[in-house]
Protein backbone atom coordinates (compact mmCIF):
# COMPACT_ATOMS: atom_id res chain seq x y z
CA MET A 1 -12.77 -219.88 -118.75
CA HIS A 2 -14.13 -222.03 -115.97
CA VAL A 3 -17.44 -221.77 -114.08
CA TYR A 4 -18.18 -222.84 -110.52
CA ILE A 5 -21.75 -222.95 -109.13
CA HIS A 6 -22.14 -223.21 -105.36
CA VAL A 7 -25.31 -225.09 -104.38
CA PRO A 8 -25.65 -224.57 -100.61
CA PHE A 9 -28.48 -226.92 -99.73
CA CYS A 10 -27.98 -229.94 -97.45
CA ALA A 11 -30.23 -232.31 -95.54
CA ARG A 12 -28.01 -231.99 -92.48
CA ARG A 13 -24.78 -230.26 -91.45
CA CYS A 14 -21.89 -232.70 -91.14
CA SER A 15 -20.08 -232.62 -87.80
CA TYR A 16 -16.89 -231.13 -89.32
CA CYS A 17 -18.45 -228.73 -91.84
CA ASP A 18 -18.07 -224.95 -91.75
CA PHE A 19 -19.01 -224.40 -95.40
CA ALA A 20 -21.70 -221.95 -96.47
CA ILE A 21 -24.66 -224.31 -96.47
CA ALA A 22 -28.42 -224.03 -95.91
CA VAL A 23 -30.08 -227.01 -94.24
CA ARG A 24 -33.49 -227.55 -95.86
CA ARG A 25 -36.02 -230.35 -95.82
CA THR A 26 -37.15 -229.27 -99.26
CA THR A 27 -34.68 -227.84 -101.75
CA PRO A 28 -35.85 -224.54 -103.33
CA SER A 29 -34.61 -225.50 -106.78
CA ASP A 30 -36.65 -222.94 -108.74
CA ALA A 31 -35.60 -220.02 -106.52
CA PHE A 32 -31.97 -221.10 -106.76
CA VAL A 33 -32.06 -221.27 -110.55
CA ARG A 34 -33.61 -217.80 -110.83
CA ALA A 35 -31.00 -216.29 -108.51
CA VAL A 36 -27.98 -217.95 -110.11
CA LEU A 37 -29.08 -217.13 -113.65
CA ASP A 38 -29.65 -213.49 -112.66
CA GLU A 39 -26.09 -213.41 -111.30
CA TRP A 40 -24.83 -215.11 -114.46
CA ALA A 41 -26.56 -212.40 -116.54
CA SER A 42 -24.72 -209.72 -114.57
CA TRP A 43 -21.40 -211.16 -115.81
CA GLN A 44 -22.24 -211.00 -119.50
CA ASP A 45 -20.95 -207.45 -120.07
CA HIS A 46 -17.71 -208.07 -118.16
CA PRO A 47 -14.48 -207.45 -120.15
CA VAL A 48 -13.46 -211.07 -119.53
CA TRP A 49 -15.64 -212.01 -122.50
CA VAL A 50 -13.97 -209.63 -124.97
CA ASP A 51 -12.04 -212.44 -126.64
CA THR A 52 -14.96 -214.87 -126.18
CA PRO A 53 -13.03 -217.60 -124.35
CA PRO A 54 -14.77 -220.97 -124.49
CA ILE A 55 -15.88 -222.49 -121.20
CA ALA A 56 -13.70 -225.53 -120.53
CA THR A 57 -15.24 -226.76 -117.26
CA VAL A 58 -18.40 -226.33 -115.20
CA TYR A 59 -18.47 -227.52 -111.60
CA PHE A 60 -21.55 -227.85 -109.38
CA GLY A 61 -20.18 -227.86 -105.81
CA GLY A 62 -21.68 -227.43 -102.40
CA GLY A 63 -23.39 -228.08 -100.17
CA THR A 64 -25.08 -230.96 -101.90
CA PRO A 65 -25.71 -230.16 -105.59
CA SER A 66 -27.36 -233.54 -106.13
CA ARG A 67 -30.30 -232.24 -104.06
CA LEU A 68 -31.23 -230.00 -107.00
CA ASN A 69 -33.58 -231.71 -109.39
CA GLY A 70 -32.44 -232.53 -112.91
CA GLU A 71 -34.64 -229.85 -114.42
CA ALA A 72 -32.94 -227.16 -112.34
CA LEU A 73 -29.44 -228.37 -113.20
CA GLY A 74 -30.44 -228.57 -116.86
CA ALA A 75 -31.84 -225.03 -116.87
CA ILE A 76 -28.52 -223.64 -115.63
CA LEU A 77 -26.48 -225.56 -118.19
CA ARG A 78 -28.83 -224.64 -121.04
CA ARG A 79 -28.51 -220.96 -120.20
CA ILE A 80 -24.72 -221.16 -120.05
CA ARG A 81 -24.67 -222.90 -123.43
CA SER A 82 -27.04 -220.33 -124.97
CA ASP A 83 -25.00 -217.33 -123.79
CA ARG A 84 -21.46 -218.67 -124.22
CA VAL A 85 -19.48 -221.38 -125.99
CA LEU A 86 -19.23 -224.52 -123.89
CA GLY A 87 -16.36 -226.56 -125.31
CA GLN A 88 -17.27 -229.83 -127.02
CA ASP A 89 -15.05 -231.76 -124.60
CA ALA A 90 -15.94 -229.62 -121.57
CA GLU A 91 -15.75 -231.32 -118.19
CA VAL A 92 -19.07 -230.90 -116.34
CA THR A 93 -18.87 -232.12 -112.74
CA LEU A 94 -21.61 -232.71 -110.19
CA GLU A 95 -20.84 -233.33 -106.53
CA ALA A 96 -23.30 -235.92 -105.27
CA ASN A 97 -24.17 -237.71 -102.06
CA PRO A 98 -24.67 -241.46 -102.40
CA GLU A 99 -28.28 -241.36 -101.17
CA ASP A 100 -29.25 -239.01 -104.02
CA VAL A 101 -28.08 -241.39 -106.74
CA SER A 102 -31.00 -243.23 -108.33
CA ALA A 103 -31.59 -244.61 -111.80
CA ALA A 104 -33.87 -241.66 -112.61
CA ALA A 105 -31.40 -239.09 -111.28
CA VAL A 106 -28.49 -240.62 -113.16
CA GLU A 107 -30.49 -240.65 -116.39
CA ALA A 108 -31.38 -236.98 -115.92
CA TRP A 109 -27.78 -235.98 -115.18
CA GLN A 110 -26.53 -237.75 -118.25
CA ALA A 111 -29.22 -236.22 -120.46
CA ILE A 112 -28.25 -232.64 -119.56
CA GLY A 113 -24.55 -233.18 -120.18
CA ILE A 114 -23.00 -233.92 -116.80
CA ASN A 115 -20.05 -236.21 -117.48
CA ARG A 116 -18.16 -236.37 -114.19
CA ILE A 117 -19.42 -237.28 -110.72
CA SER A 118 -17.63 -236.52 -107.46
CA LEU A 119 -19.19 -238.81 -104.86
CA GLY A 120 -18.96 -237.91 -101.17
CA ALA A 121 -18.22 -241.32 -99.67
CA GLN A 122 -15.97 -240.02 -96.80
CA SER A 123 -15.81 -243.45 -95.11
CA PHE A 124 -17.14 -246.99 -95.37
CA ASP A 125 -17.30 -247.45 -91.60
CA PRO A 126 -20.91 -247.17 -90.28
CA ALA A 127 -19.79 -245.75 -86.92
CA VAL A 128 -17.66 -243.08 -88.59
CA LEU A 129 -20.47 -242.09 -90.97
CA THR A 130 -22.85 -241.70 -88.03
CA TRP A 131 -20.29 -239.66 -86.09
CA MET A 132 -19.76 -237.43 -89.12
CA HIS A 133 -23.53 -236.83 -89.41
CA ARG A 134 -23.48 -238.24 -92.91
CA THR A 135 -26.92 -239.05 -94.29
CA HIS A 136 -25.93 -242.14 -96.26
CA THR A 137 -24.88 -245.68 -95.40
CA HIS A 138 -21.75 -247.40 -96.66
CA GLU A 139 -23.96 -249.75 -98.68
CA GLN A 140 -25.46 -246.78 -100.50
CA THR A 141 -22.03 -245.72 -101.71
CA GLY A 142 -21.53 -249.05 -103.45
CA ASP A 143 -25.07 -248.94 -104.86
CA ALA A 144 -24.47 -245.42 -106.17
CA VAL A 145 -21.23 -246.36 -107.93
CA ARG A 146 -22.85 -249.37 -109.56
CA ALA A 147 -25.82 -247.26 -110.75
CA LEU A 148 -23.47 -244.69 -112.25
CA ARG A 149 -21.40 -247.37 -113.95
CA ARG A 150 -24.50 -249.03 -115.43
CA ALA A 151 -25.48 -245.69 -116.94
CA GLY A 152 -22.04 -245.31 -118.52
CA PHE A 153 -20.41 -242.75 -116.25
CA GLY A 154 -16.72 -243.45 -116.72
CA ASN A 155 -15.34 -240.41 -114.88
CA LEU A 156 -16.02 -241.02 -111.20
CA SER A 157 -14.27 -239.58 -108.16
CA LEU A 158 -14.62 -240.67 -104.52
CA ASP A 159 -14.00 -238.37 -101.55
CA LEU A 160 -12.44 -239.84 -98.41
CA ILE A 161 -11.68 -238.13 -95.08
CA PHE A 162 -8.63 -239.28 -93.13
CA GLY A 163 -7.61 -238.48 -89.57
CA ALA A 164 -10.81 -239.51 -87.77
CA PRO A 165 -10.41 -239.58 -83.94
CA ARG A 166 -8.81 -242.72 -82.59
CA HIS A 167 -11.73 -243.60 -80.30
CA LEU A 168 -13.91 -244.38 -83.33
CA GLY A 169 -11.74 -247.42 -84.10
CA ARG A 170 -11.78 -246.66 -87.80
CA ASP A 171 -9.73 -249.06 -89.97
CA TRP A 172 -8.26 -246.68 -92.55
CA SER A 173 -6.67 -249.47 -94.59
CA ARG A 174 -10.03 -251.17 -94.96
CA ASP A 175 -11.63 -247.89 -96.04
CA LEU A 176 -8.98 -247.51 -98.73
CA GLU A 177 -9.49 -251.07 -99.97
CA GLU A 178 -13.28 -250.70 -100.07
CA ALA A 179 -12.92 -247.47 -102.04
CA LEU A 180 -10.48 -249.01 -104.53
CA ALA A 181 -12.67 -252.09 -104.93
CA LEU A 182 -15.30 -249.79 -106.48
CA GLU A 183 -12.75 -248.88 -109.18
CA PRO A 184 -12.98 -245.08 -109.16
CA THR A 185 -10.93 -243.15 -111.67
CA HIS A 186 -10.12 -240.44 -109.14
CA VAL A 187 -9.79 -240.19 -105.35
CA SER A 188 -9.76 -237.02 -103.22
CA LEU A 189 -8.24 -237.16 -99.73
CA TYR A 190 -9.18 -234.61 -97.09
CA GLY A 191 -7.78 -234.41 -93.59
CA LEU A 192 -10.28 -233.92 -90.78
CA THR A 193 -9.82 -230.42 -89.37
CA VAL A 194 -11.48 -228.65 -86.45
CA GLU A 195 -13.24 -225.47 -87.58
CA ASP A 196 -14.93 -222.93 -85.34
CA ARG A 197 -18.71 -223.09 -84.89
CA THR A 198 -19.00 -226.72 -85.98
CA PRO A 199 -20.45 -229.62 -83.97
CA LEU A 200 -16.94 -231.12 -83.82
CA SER A 201 -15.45 -228.00 -82.22
CA ARG A 202 -18.24 -227.96 -79.62
CA TRP A 203 -17.71 -231.63 -78.80
CA ILE A 204 -14.02 -230.99 -78.18
CA VAL A 205 -14.72 -227.98 -75.94
CA GLN A 206 -17.29 -230.02 -73.99
CA GLY A 207 -14.86 -232.89 -73.56
CA ARG A 208 -17.04 -235.29 -75.55
CA CYS A 209 -14.34 -235.86 -78.16
CA ARG A 210 -10.58 -235.48 -78.48
CA ALA A 211 -9.07 -233.36 -81.20
CA PRO A 212 -7.78 -235.29 -84.24
CA ASP A 213 -4.29 -236.75 -83.75
CA ASP A 214 -1.86 -235.05 -86.17
CA ASP A 215 0.58 -237.98 -86.15
CA ARG A 216 -2.20 -240.45 -86.88
CA ALA A 217 -3.51 -238.25 -89.68
CA ALA A 218 -0.04 -237.98 -91.21
CA GLU A 219 0.44 -241.75 -91.08
CA GLU A 220 -2.92 -242.31 -92.78
CA TYR A 221 -2.15 -239.77 -95.47
CA LEU A 222 1.18 -241.40 -96.30
CA ARG A 223 -0.41 -244.84 -96.32
CA ALA A 224 -3.05 -243.61 -98.77
CA HIS A 225 -0.33 -242.11 -100.99
CA ASP A 226 1.55 -245.41 -101.13
CA ARG A 227 -1.56 -247.52 -101.68
CA LEU A 228 -2.95 -245.34 -104.46
CA GLU A 229 0.34 -245.17 -106.33
CA ALA A 230 0.69 -248.95 -106.02
CA ARG A 231 -2.68 -249.24 -107.76
CA GLY A 232 -1.63 -247.07 -110.69
CA PHE A 233 -2.92 -243.72 -109.46
CA GLU A 234 -0.88 -240.57 -109.91
CA HIS A 235 -0.90 -238.43 -106.76
CA TYR A 236 -0.86 -235.25 -108.81
CA GLU A 237 -1.93 -232.72 -106.15
CA VAL A 238 -1.72 -232.68 -102.38
CA SER A 239 -5.34 -233.88 -101.99
CA ASN A 240 -5.98 -235.61 -105.30
CA ALA A 241 -4.95 -238.76 -107.15
CA SER A 242 -6.17 -240.10 -110.46
CA LEU A 243 -5.72 -242.83 -112.99
CA PRO A 244 -4.02 -241.63 -116.21
CA GLY A 245 -6.30 -239.26 -118.12
CA TYR A 246 -8.67 -238.57 -115.25
CA ARG A 247 -7.25 -235.54 -113.47
CA ALA A 248 -9.89 -233.07 -112.27
CA ARG A 249 -9.59 -230.44 -114.98
CA HIS A 250 -11.70 -227.87 -113.15
CA ASN A 251 -9.68 -227.99 -109.94
CA SER A 252 -6.46 -228.07 -111.95
CA ALA A 253 -7.50 -224.71 -113.42
CA TYR A 254 -7.39 -223.21 -109.91
CA TRP A 255 -3.87 -224.50 -109.32
CA ASP A 256 -2.76 -223.21 -112.73
CA GLY A 257 -4.02 -219.68 -111.95
CA ALA A 258 -6.68 -219.70 -114.70
CA ASP A 259 -9.68 -217.34 -114.77
CA TYR A 260 -12.90 -218.64 -113.26
CA LEU A 261 -16.34 -217.32 -112.40
CA GLY A 262 -18.12 -218.33 -109.19
CA LEU A 263 -21.91 -218.21 -108.99
CA GLY A 264 -24.06 -218.67 -105.90
CA PRO A 265 -23.73 -217.79 -102.22
CA SER A 266 -20.11 -217.60 -100.95
CA ALA A 267 -18.73 -218.40 -104.42
CA HIS A 268 -15.36 -216.88 -105.37
CA SER A 269 -14.29 -215.59 -108.77
CA TYR A 270 -10.80 -214.87 -110.07
CA VAL A 271 -10.42 -212.82 -113.23
CA GLY A 272 -7.17 -211.15 -114.26
CA ASP A 273 -5.65 -210.08 -110.98
CA GLU A 274 -8.93 -209.53 -109.14
CA ARG A 275 -10.50 -211.96 -106.70
CA ARG A 276 -14.06 -211.36 -105.55
CA TRP A 277 -16.45 -213.26 -103.35
CA ASN A 278 -20.20 -213.32 -102.85
CA VAL A 279 -22.31 -212.85 -99.74
CA ARG A 280 -22.14 -216.05 -97.74
CA GLU A 281 -25.69 -216.99 -96.70
CA TRP A 282 -28.34 -218.26 -99.10
CA VAL A 283 -31.17 -216.10 -97.72
CA ALA A 284 -29.14 -212.88 -98.02
CA TYR A 285 -27.85 -213.89 -101.47
CA GLU A 286 -31.31 -214.67 -102.83
CA ARG A 287 -32.84 -211.51 -101.35
CA THR A 288 -30.07 -209.34 -102.80
CA VAL A 289 -30.39 -210.80 -106.29
CA ARG A 290 -34.18 -210.48 -106.18
CA GLY A 291 -33.83 -206.81 -105.20
CA GLY A 292 -31.45 -206.09 -108.08
CA GLY A 293 -28.42 -205.48 -105.86
CA SER A 294 -24.84 -206.70 -106.13
CA VAL A 295 -24.07 -209.99 -104.38
CA VAL A 296 -20.34 -209.16 -104.22
CA ALA A 297 -19.32 -209.06 -100.56
CA GLY A 298 -15.68 -208.16 -101.16
CA ARG A 299 -12.86 -207.97 -103.68
CA GLU A 300 -9.09 -207.70 -103.71
CA ARG A 301 -6.20 -207.34 -106.11
CA VAL A 302 -3.72 -210.19 -106.24
CA ASN A 303 -0.50 -208.81 -107.64
CA GLY A 304 3.14 -208.19 -106.84
CA SER A 305 4.63 -210.21 -103.99
CA ARG A 306 1.24 -211.59 -103.02
CA GLN A 307 0.67 -213.00 -106.48
CA ARG A 308 4.16 -214.53 -106.45
CA LEU A 309 3.48 -216.21 -103.10
CA GLU A 310 0.13 -217.57 -104.25
CA ARG A 311 1.65 -218.97 -107.44
CA LEU A 312 4.37 -220.67 -105.38
CA TYR A 313 1.79 -222.14 -103.02
CA LEU A 314 -0.45 -223.38 -105.81
CA GLY A 315 2.48 -224.75 -107.81
CA LEU A 316 3.93 -226.63 -104.85
CA ARG A 317 0.53 -228.22 -104.25
CA THR A 318 1.01 -230.15 -107.49
CA ASN A 319 3.50 -232.82 -108.52
CA ARG A 320 4.64 -230.47 -111.29
CA GLY A 321 6.10 -228.12 -108.68
CA VAL A 322 7.66 -224.75 -109.49
CA ARG A 323 10.75 -223.55 -111.33
CA ALA A 324 13.81 -223.90 -109.13
CA GLY A 325 14.81 -220.30 -109.86
CA LEU A 326 11.80 -219.07 -107.88
CA LEU A 327 13.24 -220.37 -104.61
CA PRO A 328 16.53 -219.68 -102.78
CA ALA A 329 19.10 -222.42 -103.45
CA SER A 330 19.79 -222.81 -99.72
CA LEU A 331 16.09 -223.44 -99.05
CA ILE A 332 15.87 -226.02 -101.81
CA GLU A 333 18.89 -227.82 -100.42
CA ARG A 334 17.38 -227.91 -96.93
CA TRP A 335 14.11 -229.28 -98.24
CA ARG A 336 15.91 -231.94 -100.27
CA GLY A 337 18.09 -232.96 -97.32
CA SER A 338 14.98 -233.39 -95.16
CA GLY A 339 13.21 -235.53 -97.77
CA TRP A 340 10.56 -232.89 -98.34
CA ALA A 341 11.37 -232.08 -101.97
CA ILE A 342 13.12 -233.31 -105.08
CA GLU A 343 14.51 -231.46 -108.10
CA ARG A 344 13.45 -232.70 -111.50
CA ASP A 345 14.03 -231.04 -114.88
CA GLY A 346 14.82 -227.70 -113.28
CA ARG A 347 11.74 -227.76 -111.07
CA VAL A 348 11.24 -228.25 -107.35
CA CYS A 349 8.51 -230.74 -106.44
CA LEU A 350 7.39 -231.63 -102.93
CA THR A 351 7.29 -235.25 -101.83
CA SER A 352 4.32 -236.65 -99.91
CA GLU A 353 6.26 -235.85 -96.73
CA GLY A 354 6.69 -232.31 -97.98
CA TRP A 355 3.00 -231.94 -98.75
CA LEU A 356 2.25 -232.69 -95.10
CA ARG A 357 4.30 -229.58 -94.26
CA LEU A 358 3.14 -227.40 -97.14
CA ASP A 359 1.85 -224.47 -95.09
CA ALA A 360 4.99 -224.33 -92.94
CA LEU A 361 7.25 -224.55 -95.99
CA ILE A 362 5.45 -221.70 -97.70
CA ALA A 363 5.70 -219.64 -94.50
CA ALA A 364 9.49 -219.99 -94.78
CA VAL A 365 9.36 -218.45 -98.26
CA ALA A 366 7.09 -215.51 -97.40
């Protein structure tokens, strides 16, 4: 079993972000803990616990989970441990912004059992960070990594966003080198996309900014793939690369089709063949929990042909691929001839060029 906790609070909305966040000057940590633990309690009689599966990973995502104080994070983890078995080698991840990393915060995180940090660097270019509405400086990213290393955090991931508009003059190669110089054990690569109702989409409509260049984004993605592999990283999933032994175990559970519980506003859960999702906004979520209602906004069954398609999509996201027998031989041959896939040990695996076309390739299978 795997547990995800969505912490929606942010100091500011990034220019590209359409996530379920709540911008707050002061983070309501106590109210969040009460709401999430009430939702957690509602899961305790669910049949998923019949065989008492141990919890292998816990992931605090967001939003900006590092805006919660250590006491709040600790209260959630203590309750999970008291109600269920948290594996001795469980991976416990906290997404953090560089400006939230201090000696006191790091000490608190370590004391409550957090053992993996995913740091939202995004870029090391000051102009790009400003354009993205990020609330940290590039110097703070380096300071944060050094503080985490001094405290003994060995499992450290950096997030980077590629495909920034050309007019920003961003040097992607330099960003990669600055990230690698900090010696992370894991790197996540996310392409800049234009989502509705974001500052970025408004800028494009108003003519203040051009849409991201797909060719430029593809070139940057392939350059990152080559550079990371040259430095000993395994590009094991379309957006993720790690040094040996440092794959993100929580995210890997999603791609493997494992069961997981999602707590917090907009969080998704997947148990058996049912997917469910919570109400999106923090205020509505907190009010509903406080009133004793269900926070489930919707649910669906994932079975039959839909389940098959999802398993293909998730499998092809990884460098493990899928069994060749799940795909038509003619399609495999076309993908191989185009340089989009390889066959290895009876499995079809996409190349980095194939990953760039993942959605279109899956559409051909549907």
